């Protein structure tokens, strides 16, 4: 299931032991795969904010507002506590500017909750293509400099402006994402 990080942070976790926590963000690897999900335990089990392993998460139930986690209470207690306000995935990439051409700034990231990979970033194109948000495949991102908030993209403004729209009621359709990957020549 493809979901924007913003939408994932509206969910609560649901463990087999009945512990519930609020999703706060994600930690990514350098390859933009989800390593851990940051959750606020609200003091349950004497914990505050912890980072749970991404592999423990199942398929989100959007209607119920939950994201099931297959993790024991003991394993939760062994999760790494987040000692300071987390700089989550979105905070790291938000407002990142792509070059060498002015593509735009990152508004959100898209997570495939089945694979815990980040196949797309949502980019606001700015003044060169007003009032448009596009999905840019992460496979088209050549490099990211996390320190200065800049990245390099292997796509032209013409390619990006002509890319198919994959949003339906602000949600990303799987069919649309496949069309987008084909459009960019990825995995075809």
C-alpha atoms as a PDB file:
ATOM      1  CA  UNK A   1       0.000   0.000   0.000  1.00  0.00           C
ATOM      2  CA  UNK A   2       1.362   3.433  -0.952  1.00  0.00           C
ATOM      3  CA  UNK A   3       0.869   6.122   1.688  1.00  0.00           C
ATOM      4  CA  UNK A   4       2.273   9.575   2.241  1.00  0.00           C
ATOM      5  CA  UNK A   5       4.183  10.013   5.487  1.00  0.00           C
ATOM      6  CA  UNK A   6       1.741  12.747   6.459  1.00  0.00           C
ATOM      7  CA  UNK A   7      -1.090  10.177   6.301  1.00  0.00           C
ATOM      8  CA  UNK A   8       0.917   7.566   8.226  1.00  0.00           C
ATOM      9  CA  UNK A   9       1.346  10.014  11.109  1.00  0.00           C
ATOM     10  CA  UNK A  10      -2.434  10.100  11.547  1.00  0.00           C
ATOM     11  CA  UNK A  11      -2.411   6.404  12.505  1.00  0.00           C
ATOM     12  CA  UNK A  12      -2.004   4.682  15.855  1.00  0.00           C
ATOM     13  CA  UNK A  13      -0.065   1.471  16.251  1.00  0.00           C
ATOM     14  CA  UNK A  14      -1.816  -1.638  17.453  1.00  0.00           C
ATOM     15  CA  UNK A  15       0.235  -4.435  19.035  1.00  0.00           C
ATOM     16  CA  UNK A  16      -0.848  -7.989  19.887  1.00  0.00           C
ATOM     17  CA  UNK A  17      -0.384  -7.092  23.579  1.00  0.00           C
ATOM     18  CA  UNK A  18      -2.846  -4.239  23.262  1.00  0.00           C
ATOM     19  CA  UNK A  19      -0.329  -1.398  23.532  1.00  0.00           C
ATOM     20  CA  UNK A  20      -1.288   1.578  21.395  1.00  0.00           C
ATOM     21  CA  UNK A  21       0.976   4.415  20.356  1.00  0.00           C
ATOM     22  CA  UNK A  22       0.895   7.349  17.965  1.00  0.00           C
ATOM     23  CA  UNK A  23       3.057   7.272  14.824  1.00  0.00           C
ATOM     24  CA  UNK A  24       5.364  10.312  14.878  1.00  0.00           C
ATOM     25  CA  UNK A  25       7.723   9.780  11.957  1.00  0.00           C
ATOM     26  CA  UNK A  26      10.221   7.518  10.237  1.00  0.00           C
ATOM     27  CA  UNK A  27      13.946   6.980  10.207  1.00  0.00           C
ATOM     28  CA  UNK A  28      15.357   6.252   6.772  1.00  0.00           C
ATOM     29  CA  UNK A  29      18.498   4.589   5.526  1.00  0.00           C
ATOM     30  CA  UNK A  30      20.775   6.467   3.120  1.00  0.00           C
ATOM     31  CA  UNK A  31      18.996   4.536   0.330  1.00  0.00           C
ATOM     32  CA  UNK A  32      15.669   6.046   1.480  1.00  0.00           C
ATOM     33  CA  UNK A  33      14.269   2.806   2.878  1.00  0.00           C
ATOM     34  CA  UNK A  34      12.392   2.840   6.174  1.00  0.00           C
ATOM     35  CA  UNK A  35      14.634   1.599   8.982  1.00  0.00           C
ATOM     36  CA  UNK A  36      12.430   2.400  11.993  1.00  0.00           C
ATOM     37  CA  UNK A  37       9.062   3.897  12.787  1.00  0.00           C
ATOM     38  CA  UNK A  38       9.110   6.528  15.532  1.00  0.00           C
ATOM     39  CA  UNK A  39       6.144   6.171  17.889  1.00  0.00           C
ATOM     40  CA  UNK A  40       5.016   8.098  20.934  1.00  0.00           C
ATOM     41  CA  UNK A  41       4.102   5.605  23.660  1.00  0.00           C
ATOM     42  CA  UNK A  42       2.391   8.314  25.755  1.00  0.00           C
ATOM     43  CA  UNK A  43       4.054   6.938  28.875  1.00  0.00           C
ATOM     44  CA  UNK A  44       2.772   3.377  28.356  1.00  0.00           C
ATOM     45  CA  UNK A  45       5.222   0.826  29.762  1.00  0.00           C
ATOM     46  CA  UNK A  46       7.121   3.802  31.250  1.00  0.00           C
ATOM     47  CA  UNK A  47       8.255   4.751  27.740  1.00  0.00           C
ATOM     48  CA  UNK A  48       7.875   8.001  25.866  1.00  0.00           C
ATOM     49  CA  UNK A  49       9.076   8.047  22.261  1.00  0.00           C
ATOM     50  CA  UNK A  50      10.765   4.981  20.793  1.00  0.00           C
ATOM     51  CA  UNK A  51      11.942   3.721  17.414  1.00  0.00           C
ATOM     52  CA  UNK A  52      10.325   0.390  16.466  1.00  0.00           C
ATOM     53  CA  UNK A  53      11.833  -1.793  13.719  1.00  0.00           C
ATOM     54  CA  UNK A  54      10.088  -1.273  10.368  1.00  0.00           C
ATOM     55  CA  UNK A  55       9.938  -5.033   9.765  1.00  0.00           C
ATOM     56  CA  UNK A  56       7.460  -5.409  12.651  1.00  0.00           C
ATOM     57  CA  UNK A  57       4.768  -3.323  10.902  1.00  0.00           C
ATOM     58  CA  UNK A  58       1.935  -4.825   8.883  1.00  0.00           C
ATOM     59  CA  UNK A  59      -0.533  -3.289   6.463  1.00  0.00           C
ATOM     60  CA  UNK A  60      -2.214  -0.111   7.726  1.00  0.00           C
ATOM     61  CA  UNK A  61      -5.974  -0.140   8.233  1.00  0.00           C
ATOM     62  CA  UNK A  62      -6.797   3.373   7.079  1.00  0.00           C
ATOM     63  CA  UNK A  63     -10.508   3.124   7.926  1.00  0.00           C
ATOM     64  CA  UNK A  64      -9.765   2.047  11.504  1.00  0.00           C
ATOM     65  CA  UNK A  65      -6.877   4.522  11.775  1.00  0.00           C
ATOM     66  CA  UNK A  66      -4.467   1.825  12.939  1.00  0.00           C
ATOM     67  CA  UNK A  67      -1.175   0.324  11.837  1.00  0.00           C
ATOM     68  CA  UNK A  68      -0.736  -3.189  13.266  1.00  0.00           C
ATOM     69  CA  UNK A  69       2.637  -4.090  14.736  1.00  0.00           C
ATOM     70  CA  UNK A  70       3.763  -7.645  15.371  1.00  0.00           C
ATOM     71  CA  UNK A  71       5.982  -7.010  18.367  1.00  0.00           C
ATOM     72  CA  UNK A  72       5.952  -8.289  21.937  1.00  0.00           C
ATOM     73  CA  UNK A  73       5.807  -6.109  25.016  1.00  0.00           C
ATOM     74  CA  UNK A  74       9.341  -7.240  25.884  1.00  0.00           C
ATOM     75  CA  UNK A  75      10.581  -6.293  22.413  1.00  0.00           C
ATOM     76  CA  UNK A  76       8.927  -2.867  22.768  1.00  0.00           C
ATOM     77  CA  UNK A  77      10.802  -2.356  26.042  1.00  0.00           C
ATOM     78  CA  UNK A  78      14.011  -3.185  24.152  1.00  0.00           C
ATOM     79  CA  UNK A  79      13.400  -0.582  21.434  1.00  0.00           C
ATOM     80  CA  UNK A  80      15.751   2.346  21.263  1.00  0.00           C
ATOM     81  CA  UNK A  81      14.335   5.361  23.109  1.00  0.00           C
ATOM     82  CA  UNK A  82      14.354   8.630  21.244  1.00  0.00           C
ATOM     83  CA  UNK A  83      16.029  10.962  23.702  1.00  0.00           C
ATOM     84  CA  UNK A  84      15.437  14.206  21.856  1.00  0.00           C
ATOM     85  CA  UNK A  85      12.804  15.475  19.452  1.00  0.00           C
ATOM     86  CA  UNK A  86      13.293  13.195  16.443  1.00  0.00           C
ATOM     87  CA  UNK A  87      14.379  14.587  13.115  1.00  0.00           C
ATOM     88  CA  UNK A  88      12.186  12.254  11.134  1.00  0.00           C
ATOM     89  CA  UNK A  89      12.299  11.417   7.462  1.00  0.00           C
ATOM     90  CA  UNK A  90      10.023  14.212   6.360  1.00  0.00           C
ATOM     91  CA  UNK A  91      11.841  16.790   8.454  1.00  0.00           C
ATOM     92  CA  UNK A  92      15.114  15.726   6.838  1.00  0.00           C
ATOM     93  CA  UNK A  93      13.848  16.021   3.274  1.00  0.00           C
ATOM     94  CA  UNK A  94      11.202  18.730   3.652  1.00  0.00           C
ATOM     95  CA  UNK A  95      12.151  21.831   1.728  1.00  0.00           C
ATOM     96  CA  UNK A  96      15.016  19.950   0.061  1.00  0.00           C
ATOM     97  CA  UNK A  97      15.757  21.614  -3.247  1.00  0.00           C
ATOM     98  CA  UNK A  98      16.659  19.550  -6.286  1.00  0.00           C
ATOM     99  CA  UNK A  99      19.106  20.732  -8.942  1.00  0.00           C
ATOM    100  CA  UNK A 100      20.857  21.245 -11.372  1.00  0.00           C
ATOM    101  CA  UNK A 101      17.544  22.678 -12.549  1.00  0.00           C
ATOM    102  CA  UNK A 102      14.982  24.190 -10.170  1.00  0.00           C
ATOM    103  CA  UNK A 103      12.652  21.207  -9.796  1.00  0.00           C
ATOM    104  CA  UNK A 104      11.053  22.268  -6.537  1.00  0.00           C
ATOM    105  CA  UNK A 105      10.953  21.443  -2.858  1.00  0.00           C
ATOM    106  CA  UNK A 106       9.912  18.249  -1.136  1.00  0.00           C
ATOM    107  CA  UNK A 107       6.536  18.377   0.631  1.00  0.00           C
ATOM    108  CA  UNK A 108       6.180  14.735   1.626  1.00  0.00           C
ATOM    109  CA  UNK A 109       7.515  11.256   0.993  1.00  0.00           C
ATOM    110  CA  UNK A 110       5.599   8.183  -0.135  1.00  0.00           C
ATOM    111  CA  UNK A 111       6.099   4.891   1.682  1.00  0.00           C
ATOM    112  CA  UNK A 112       5.269   1.467   0.281  1.00  0.00           C
ATOM    113  CA  UNK A 113       4.087  -0.135   3.528  1.00  0.00           C
ATOM    114  CA  UNK A 114       4.481  -3.642   2.058  1.00  0.00           C
ATOM    115  CA  UNK A 115       8.209  -3.260   1.354  1.00  0.00           C
ATOM    116  CA  UNK A 116       8.998  -0.286   3.669  1.00  0.00           C
ATOM    117  CA  UNK A 117      10.715   1.428   0.772  1.00  0.00           C
ATOM    118  CA  UNK A 118      10.285   5.039  -0.299  1.00  0.00           C
ATOM    119  CA  UNK A 119       9.533   4.895  -4.042  1.00  0.00           C
ATOM    120  CA  UNK A 120       8.527   8.564  -4.447  1.00  0.00           C
ATOM    121  CA  UNK A 121       8.819  12.042  -3.018  1.00  0.00           C
ATOM    122  CA  UNK A 122       6.042  14.596  -3.398  1.00  0.00           C
ATOM    123  CA  UNK A 123       7.516  17.752  -4.901  1.00  0.00           C
ATOM    124  CA  UNK A 124       5.951  21.199  -5.053  1.00  0.00           C
ATOM    125  CA  UNK A 125       7.186  22.558  -8.365  1.00  0.00           C
ATOM    126  CA  UNK A 126       7.096  26.214  -7.411  1.00  0.00           C
ATOM    127  CA  UNK A 127       6.975  29.132  -9.794  1.00  0.00           C
ATOM    128  CA  UNK A 128       8.020  27.280 -12.955  1.00  0.00           C
ATOM    129  CA  UNK A 129       4.931  25.027 -12.766  1.00  0.00           C
ATOM    130  CA  UNK A 130       2.536  26.841 -10.398  1.00  0.00           C
ATOM    131  CA  UNK A 131      -0.038  25.070  -8.257  1.00  0.00           C
ATOM    132  CA  UNK A 132       1.242  21.603  -9.084  1.00  0.00           C
ATOM    133  CA  UNK A 133       2.529  18.795  -6.951  1.00  0.00           C
ATOM    134  CA  UNK A 134       4.235  15.905  -8.666  1.00  0.00           C
ATOM    135  CA  UNK A 135       5.551  12.548  -7.615  1.00  0.00           C
ATOM    136  CA  UNK A 136       9.219  12.133  -8.381  1.00  0.00           C
ATOM    137  CA  UNK A 137      10.540   8.565  -8.258  1.00  0.00           C
ATOM    138  CA  UNK A 138      13.436   8.229  -5.821  1.00  0.00           C
ATOM    139  CA  UNK A 139      15.188   6.234  -8.564  1.00  0.00           C
ATOM    140  CA  UNK A 140      15.530   9.579 -10.404  1.00  0.00           C
ATOM    141  CA  UNK A 141      17.351  11.147  -7.445  1.00  0.00           C
ATOM    142  CA  UNK A 142      21.083  10.844  -8.112  1.00  0.00           C
ATOM    143  CA  UNK A 143      22.295  12.140  -4.789  1.00  0.00           C
ATOM    144  CA  UNK A 144      21.172  13.813  -1.598  1.00  0.00           C
ATOM    145  CA  UNK A 145      23.317  16.019   0.588  1.00  0.00           C
ATOM    146  CA  UNK A 146      21.562  15.717   3.951  1.00  0.00           C
ATOM    147  CA  UNK A 147      23.670  18.489   5.479  1.00  0.00           C
ATOM    148  CA  UNK A 148      22.752  21.282   3.055  1.00  0.00           C
ATOM    149  CA  UNK A 149      19.299  20.031   2.054  1.00  0.00           C
ATOM    150  CA  UNK A 150      20.034  19.715  -1.642  1.00  0.00           C
ATOM    151  CA  UNK A 151      19.729  16.876  -4.083  1.00  0.00           C
ATOM    152  CA  UNK A 152      20.480  16.145  -7.719  1.00  0.00           C
ATOM    153  CA  UNK A 153      17.818  14.773 -10.038  1.00  0.00           C
ATOM    154  CA  UNK A 154      18.149  12.881 -13.302  1.00  0.00           C
ATOM    155  CA  UNK A 155      15.057  14.429 -14.929  1.00  0.00           C
ATOM    156  CA  UNK A 156      14.344  17.523 -16.959  1.00  0.00           C
ATOM    157  CA  UNK A 157      11.714  20.141 -16.243  1.00  0.00           C
ATOM    158  CA  UNK A 158       9.958  19.015 -19.427  1.00  0.00           C
ATOM    159  CA  UNK A 159       9.796  15.401 -18.195  1.00  0.00           C
ATOM    160  CA  UNK A 160       8.474  16.476 -14.817  1.00  0.00           C
ATOM    161  CA  UNK A 161       5.875  18.877 -16.225  1.00  0.00           C
ATOM    162  CA  UNK A 162       4.539  16.216 -18.632  1.00  0.00           C
ATOM    163  CA  UNK A 163       4.505  13.428 -16.021  1.00  0.00           C
ATOM    164  CA  UNK A 164       1.115  11.796 -15.495  1.00  0.00           C
ATOM    165  CA  UNK A 165      -0.906  12.826 -12.454  1.00  0.00           C
ATOM    166  CA  UNK A 166      -1.300   9.898 -10.069  1.00  0.00           C
ATOM    167  CA  UNK A 167      -3.370  11.541  -7.342  1.00  0.00           C
ATOM    168  CA  UNK A 168      -7.021  10.687  -6.874  1.00  0.00           C
ATOM    169  CA  UNK A 169      -8.698  12.542  -3.985  1.00  0.00           C
ATOM    170  CA  UNK A 170      -5.214  13.318  -2.633  1.00  0.00           C
ATOM    171  CA  UNK A 171      -4.401   9.576  -2.525  1.00  0.00           C
ATOM    172  CA  UNK A 172      -1.864   7.833  -4.750  1.00  0.00           C
ATOM    173  CA  UNK A 173      -3.249   5.080  -6.927  1.00  0.00           C
ATOM    174  CA  UNK A 174      -1.190   1.944  -7.469  1.00  0.00           C
ATOM    175  CA  UNK A 175      -2.116   1.947 -11.147  1.00  0.00           C
ATOM    176  CA  UNK A 176      -1.024   5.560 -11.412  1.00  0.00           C
ATOM    177  CA  UNK A 177       2.291   4.889  -9.695  1.00  0.00           C
ATOM    178  CA  UNK A 178       3.005   2.060 -12.156  1.00  0.00           C
ATOM    179  CA  UNK A 179       2.184   4.385 -15.042  1.00  0.00           C
ATOM    180  CA  UNK A 180       4.529   6.984 -13.593  1.00  0.00           C
ATOM    181  CA  UNK A 181       7.398   4.509 -13.273  1.00  0.00           C
ATOM    182  CA  UNK A 182       6.835   3.390 -16.879  1.00  0.00           C
ATOM    183  CA  UNK A 183       6.778   7.038 -17.972  1.00  0.00           C
ATOM    184  CA  UNK A 184      10.218   7.608 -16.421  1.00  0.00           C
ATOM    185  CA  UNK A 185      11.530   4.293 -17.825  1.00  0.00           C
ATOM    186  CA  UNK A 186      11.935   2.671 -14.424  1.00  0.00           C
ATOM    187  CA  UNK A 187      11.274  -1.045 -14.022  1.00  0.00           C
ATOM    188  CA  UNK A 188       9.740  -1.251 -17.498  1.00  0.00           C
END
